[in-house]
Amino acid sequence: MDFSSIYPWFVIFIWGTYLIILALRIFLTGREYIGKPSIQSFSFYSAKLSIFLCGIAAILQAIGINLRWFTFVGSDIISLVLIAIGALLIIISRTNLGKATLMGLPIQNTALKTNGLYSFSRNPMYVAVYFLIFGAILYTVNPIVLLLGILLVILHHKIILAEEVFLELRFGEEYRIYKRIVRRYF
């Protein structure tokens, strides 16, 4: 049986759902979902916008607008596996984080989350986004999406470093112990 006809629907479903949920959350909750940018605002919002653009590119490819500059054997299957892993990790890490999930640094008091995926990675949500982005890059095989993905990873790494400083100031020794035990990514 040829599963290649399901690939586009899978990409549309995963990326479409992710982008719609993200957009709804921003529009419905407004400032409650958007915290303080952890790095310079332009860089911070460019990093977040690049997620949307990579997702839109994957959806455009899936609906038949060819963005590929070339193809290689297995790129669809590998990209779908990466997208599926990313989607699963986002669902689990958002569940583990609970109401503390927001874009940027929290203004209100929060608790340090160290359970679930956060006991294996200090940043499972970013890892999940990286899986989604790498999946989009392989699905579109487009140099612009590749450049957006590189920009996204560089900027999100800077965001993570700034968030670590914030978390250390907010939680002190509790965070330093957590940081010694759990890796930043894997």
Protein backbone atom coordinates (compact mmCIF):
# COMPACT_ATOMS: atom_id res chain seq x y z
CA MET A 1 0.00 0.00 0.00
CA ASP A 2 1.30 3.45 -0.94
CA PHE A 3 1.07 5.85 2.01
CA SER A 4 2.46 8.84 0.10
CA SER A 5 -1.05 10.19 -0.46
CA ILE A 6 -1.50 10.62 3.32
CA TYR A 7 1.73 12.62 3.76
CA PRO A 8 0.24 15.98 2.72
CA TRP A 9 -2.82 15.50 4.94
CA PHE A 10 -0.63 14.59 7.88
CA VAL A 11 1.50 17.72 7.39
CA ILE A 12 -1.58 19.91 7.01
CA PHE A 13 -3.20 18.41 10.10
CA ILE A 14 -0.16 18.68 12.40
CA TRP A 15 1.15 22.06 11.28
CA GLY A 16 -2.34 23.50 10.77
CA THR A 17 -3.47 22.42 14.23
CA TYR A 18 -0.30 23.76 15.84
CA LEU A 19 -0.53 27.15 14.10
CA ILE A 20 -4.28 27.52 14.73
CA ILE A 21 -3.94 26.68 18.44
CA LEU A 22 -1.04 29.10 18.76
CA ALA A 23 -2.89 31.89 16.95
CA LEU A 24 -6.09 31.33 18.94
CA ARG A 25 -4.18 31.35 22.18
CA ILE A 26 -2.51 34.66 21.30
CA PHE A 27 -5.71 36.31 20.07
CA LEU A 28 -8.02 35.00 22.80
CA THR A 29 -5.77 35.50 25.80
CA GLY A 30 -3.66 38.39 24.55
CA ARG A 31 -1.23 39.62 27.18
CA GLU A 32 -1.90 36.60 29.40
CA TYR A 33 -0.10 34.36 26.88
CA ILE A 34 2.63 36.78 25.88
CA GLY A 35 5.18 37.39 28.58
CA LYS A 36 8.20 39.67 28.50
CA PRO A 37 10.66 38.97 25.62
CA SER A 38 13.82 37.38 27.02
CA ILE A 39 16.06 38.91 24.34
CA GLN A 40 15.81 42.06 22.21
CA SER A 41 12.17 42.33 21.02
CA PHE A 42 12.89 42.28 17.27
CA SER A 43 15.00 39.11 17.59
CA PHE A 44 12.49 37.50 19.94
CA TYR A 45 9.49 38.07 17.69
CA SER A 46 11.53 37.19 14.57
CA ALA A 47 12.24 33.80 16.16
CA LYS A 48 8.54 33.26 16.85
CA LEU A 49 7.51 34.47 13.38
CA SER A 50 9.97 32.06 11.76
CA ILE A 51 8.06 29.16 13.34
CA PHE A 52 4.88 30.38 11.61
CA LEU A 53 6.65 30.88 8.29
CA CYS A 54 8.20 27.39 8.33
CA GLY A 55 4.80 25.91 9.19
CA ILE A 56 3.08 27.87 6.40
CA ALA A 57 5.77 26.70 3.94
CA ALA A 58 5.14 23.06 4.94
CA ILE A 59 1.39 23.54 4.50
CA LEU A 60 1.87 25.22 1.09
CA GLN A 61 4.03 22.29 -0.03
CA ALA A 62 1.39 19.87 1.26
CA ILE A 63 -1.46 21.53 -0.66
CA GLY A 64 0.50 21.29 -3.89
CA ILE A 65 2.41 24.54 -4.17
CA ASN A 66 5.82 23.16 -5.00
CA LEU A 67 8.52 24.89 -2.96
CA ARG A 68 11.11 22.15 -3.44
CA TRP A 69 14.29 22.95 -5.26
CA PHE A 70 15.06 19.23 -5.47
CA THR A 71 13.96 15.98 -3.89
CA PHE A 72 15.75 13.06 -2.39
CA VAL A 73 14.60 9.57 -1.51
CA GLY A 74 13.06 9.32 1.93
CA SER A 75 12.72 13.04 2.65
CA ASP A 76 8.94 12.77 3.03
CA ILE A 77 9.06 9.84 5.43
CA ILE A 78 11.89 11.32 7.51
CA SER A 79 10.12 14.70 7.65
CA LEU A 80 6.86 13.12 8.75
CA VAL A 81 8.60 11.18 11.52
CA LEU A 82 10.26 14.40 12.73
CA ILE A 83 6.95 16.31 12.57
CA ALA A 84 5.16 13.52 14.47
CA ILE A 85 7.84 13.45 17.18
CA GLY A 86 7.68 17.25 17.44
CA ALA A 87 3.90 17.24 17.74
CA LEU A 88 3.96 14.54 20.42
CA LEU A 89 6.67 16.34 22.39
CA ILE A 90 4.73 19.62 22.26
CA ILE A 91 1.57 17.97 23.54
CA ILE A 92 3.40 16.26 26.40
CA SER A 93 5.57 19.24 27.36
CA ARG A 94 2.61 21.66 27.30
CA THR A 95 0.70 19.23 29.52
CA ASN A 96 3.70 19.01 31.90
CA LEU A 97 4.05 22.80 31.98
CA GLY A 98 0.34 23.43 32.54
CA LYS A 99 -0.86 27.01 32.86
CA ALA A 100 2.71 28.26 33.05
CA THR A 101 2.96 27.86 29.26
CA LEU A 102 3.44 31.19 27.61
CA MET A 103 5.54 32.99 25.05
CA GLY A 104 8.28 34.93 26.82
CA LEU A 105 9.19 35.38 30.46
CA PRO A 106 6.37 35.17 32.99
CA ILE A 107 5.41 38.35 34.76
CA GLN A 108 3.43 36.54 37.49
CA ASN A 109 4.93 34.13 40.01
CA THR A 110 5.35 30.59 38.74
CA ALA A 111 6.72 27.33 40.07
CA LEU A 112 9.80 25.64 38.61
CA LYS A 113 8.59 22.70 36.52
CA THR A 114 10.85 19.65 36.72
CA ASN A 115 8.43 16.77 36.16
CA GLY A 116 7.54 14.78 33.04
CA LEU A 117 9.67 15.64 30.01
CA TYR A 118 11.24 18.44 32.06
CA SER A 119 13.05 15.76 34.07
CA PHE A 120 14.92 14.76 30.85
CA SER A 121 15.33 18.14 29.15
CA ARG A 122 15.17 21.66 30.54
CA ASN A 123 13.64 22.79 27.24
CA PRO A 124 11.45 20.03 25.77
CA MET A 125 9.11 22.53 24.10
CA TYR A 126 12.02 24.08 22.18
CA VAL A 127 13.27 20.60 21.29
CA ALA A 128 9.76 19.84 19.99
CA VAL A 129 9.77 23.00 17.87
CA TYR A 130 13.18 22.00 16.48
CA PHE A 131 11.75 18.63 15.44
CA LEU A 132 8.83 20.39 13.73
CA ILE A 133 11.19 22.81 11.97
CA PHE A 134 13.62 20.11 10.84
CA GLY A 135 10.59 18.21 9.53
CA ALA A 136 9.41 21.29 7.62
CA ILE A 137 12.90 21.80 6.17
CA LEU A 138 13.04 18.21 4.92
CA TYR A 139 9.45 18.30 3.68
CA THR A 140 9.88 21.47 1.65
CA VAL A 141 13.57 20.99 0.73
CA ASN A 142 13.70 24.74 0.22
CA PRO A 143 16.74 26.94 0.96
CA ILE A 144 14.59 29.79 2.30
CA VAL A 145 12.93 27.43 4.80
CA LEU A 146 16.41 26.11 5.64
CA LEU A 147 17.66 29.66 6.33
CA LEU A 148 14.55 30.38 8.44
CA GLY A 149 15.21 27.17 10.36
CA ILE A 150 18.83 28.13 11.00
CA LEU A 151 17.74 31.61 12.13
CA LEU A 152 15.10 30.05 14.37
CA VAL A 153 17.57 27.68 16.07
CA ILE A 154 20.16 30.46 16.62
CA LEU A 155 17.60 32.91 18.03
CA HIS A 156 15.86 30.30 20.18
CA HIS A 157 19.22 29.24 21.62
CA LYS A 158 19.79 32.88 22.62
CA ILE A 159 16.28 32.96 24.11
CA ILE A 160 17.05 29.81 26.11
CA LEU A 161 20.30 31.28 27.45
CA ALA A 162 18.46 34.44 28.55
CA GLU A 163 15.67 32.35 30.12
CA GLU A 164 18.27 30.39 32.08
CA VAL A 165 19.59 33.62 33.60
CA PHE A 166 16.01 34.64 34.47
CA LEU A 167 15.25 31.22 36.02
CA GLU A 168 18.44 31.26 38.06
CA LEU A 169 17.56 34.71 39.43
CA ARG A 170 13.97 33.68 40.16
CA PHE A 171 14.54 30.21 41.64
CA GLY A 172 18.16 30.42 42.84
CA GLU A 173 19.71 27.24 44.18
CA GLU A 174 16.67 25.13 43.22
CA TYR A 175 17.30 25.98 39.53
CA ARG A 176 21.09 25.58 39.81
CA ILE A 177 20.60 22.04 41.16
CA TYR A 178 18.08 21.27 38.40
CA LYS A 179 20.51 22.69 35.81
CA ARG A 180 23.30 20.40 37.07
CA ILE A 181 21.07 17.32 36.86
CA VAL A 182 19.09 17.91 33.63
CA ARG A 183 20.63 18.83 30.27
CA ARG A 184 19.61 21.89 28.30
CA TYR A 185 18.33 19.93 25.28
CA PHE A 186 18.79 16.14 25.57
